[in-house]
C-alpha atoms as a PDB file:
ATOM      1  CA  MET A   1     121.170 113.627  81.979  1.00  0.00           C
ATOM      2  CA  TYR A   2     119.701 115.743  84.649  1.00  0.00           C
ATOM      3  CA  ASP A   3     119.735 118.675  82.351  1.00  0.00           C
ATOM      4  CA  SER A   4     117.955 116.972  79.499  1.00  0.00           C
ATOM      5  CA  LEU A   5     115.380 115.663  81.782  1.00  0.00           C
ATOM      6  CA  VAL A   6     114.573 119.011  83.168  1.00  0.00           C
ATOM      7  CA  GLU A   7     114.464 120.485  79.648  1.00  0.00           C
ATOM      8  CA  LEU A   8     112.082 117.655  78.608  1.00  0.00           C
ATOM      9  CA  ILE A   9     109.777 118.365  81.616  1.00  0.00           C
ATOM     10  CA  SER A  10     109.739 122.049  80.878  1.00  0.00           C
ATOM     11  CA  ASN A  11     108.946 121.439  77.116  1.00  0.00           C
ATOM     12  CA  VAL A  12     106.263 118.880  77.370  1.00  0.00           C
ATOM     13  CA  GLY A  13     105.020 118.717  80.790  1.00  0.00           C
ATOM     14  CA  PHE A  14     105.518 116.444  83.692  1.00  0.00           C
ATOM     15  CA  PRO A  15     102.941 113.744  82.777  1.00  0.00           C
ATOM     16  CA  VAL A  16     104.293 113.387  79.244  1.00  0.00           C
ATOM     17  CA  ALA A  17     107.927 113.127  80.628  1.00  0.00           C
ATOM     18  CA  VAL A  18     106.987 110.563  83.166  1.00  0.00           C
ATOM     19  CA  SER A  19     105.184 108.420  80.578  1.00  0.00           C
ATOM     20  CA  VAL A  20     108.128 108.489  78.106  1.00  0.00           C
ATOM     21  CA  TYR A  21     110.398 107.467  81.009  1.00  0.00           C
ATOM     22  CA  LEU A  22     108.280 104.477  81.994  1.00  0.00           C
ATOM     23  CA  LEU A  23     107.767 103.408  78.403  1.00  0.00           C
ATOM     24  CA  VAL A  24     111.568 103.317  77.918  1.00  0.00           C
ATOM     25  CA  ARG A  25     112.101 101.275  81.116  1.00  0.00           C
ATOM     26  CA  ILE A  26     109.394  98.913  80.341  1.00  0.00           C
ATOM     27  CA  GLU A  27     110.720  98.305  76.736  1.00  0.00           C
ATOM     28  CA  LYS A  28     113.894  96.733  78.174  1.00  0.00           C
ATOM     29  CA  LYS A  29     112.008  94.468  80.543  1.00  0.00           C
ATOM     30  CA  LEU A  30     109.630  93.308  77.820  1.00  0.00           C
ATOM     31  CA  ASP A  31     112.615  92.443  75.517  1.00  0.00           C
ATOM     32  CA  ASP A  32     114.059  90.294  78.450  1.00  0.00           C
ATOM     33  CA  LEU A  33     110.676  88.649  78.940  1.00  0.00           C
ATOM     34  CA  ILE A  34     110.343  87.899  75.121  1.00  0.00           C
ATOM     35  CA  LYS A  35     113.757  86.361  75.051  1.00  0.00           C
ATOM     36  CA  ALA A  36     113.060  84.207  78.275  1.00  0.00           C
ATOM     37  CA  PHE A  37     109.819  83.045  76.667  1.00  0.00           C
ATOM     38  CA  ASN A  38     111.522  82.105  73.257  1.00  0.00           C
ATOM     39  CA  ASP A  39     114.343  80.335  75.188  1.00  0.00           C
ATOM     40  CA  TYR A  40     111.839  78.330  77.212  1.00  0.00           C
ATOM     41  CA  THR A  41     109.870  77.333  74.199  1.00  0.00           C
ATOM     42  CA  LYS A  42     112.944  76.226  72.373  1.00  0.00           C
ATOM     43  CA  ASP A  43     113.962  74.023  75.280  1.00  0.00           C
ATOM     44  CA  HIS A  44     110.630  72.350  75.607  1.00  0.00           C
ATOM     45  CA  ASN A  45     109.867  71.529  72.079  1.00  0.00           C
END
């Protein structure tokens, strides 16, 4: 994992690598939020 991260940073630059990392992390949180919202609306209809 560490080696691939270092390679990514050296190839595309630090700002791009950080942006990709944050987008991947946020995607999981958004999926969880969408699921919670859908469950909430099903329970209250």
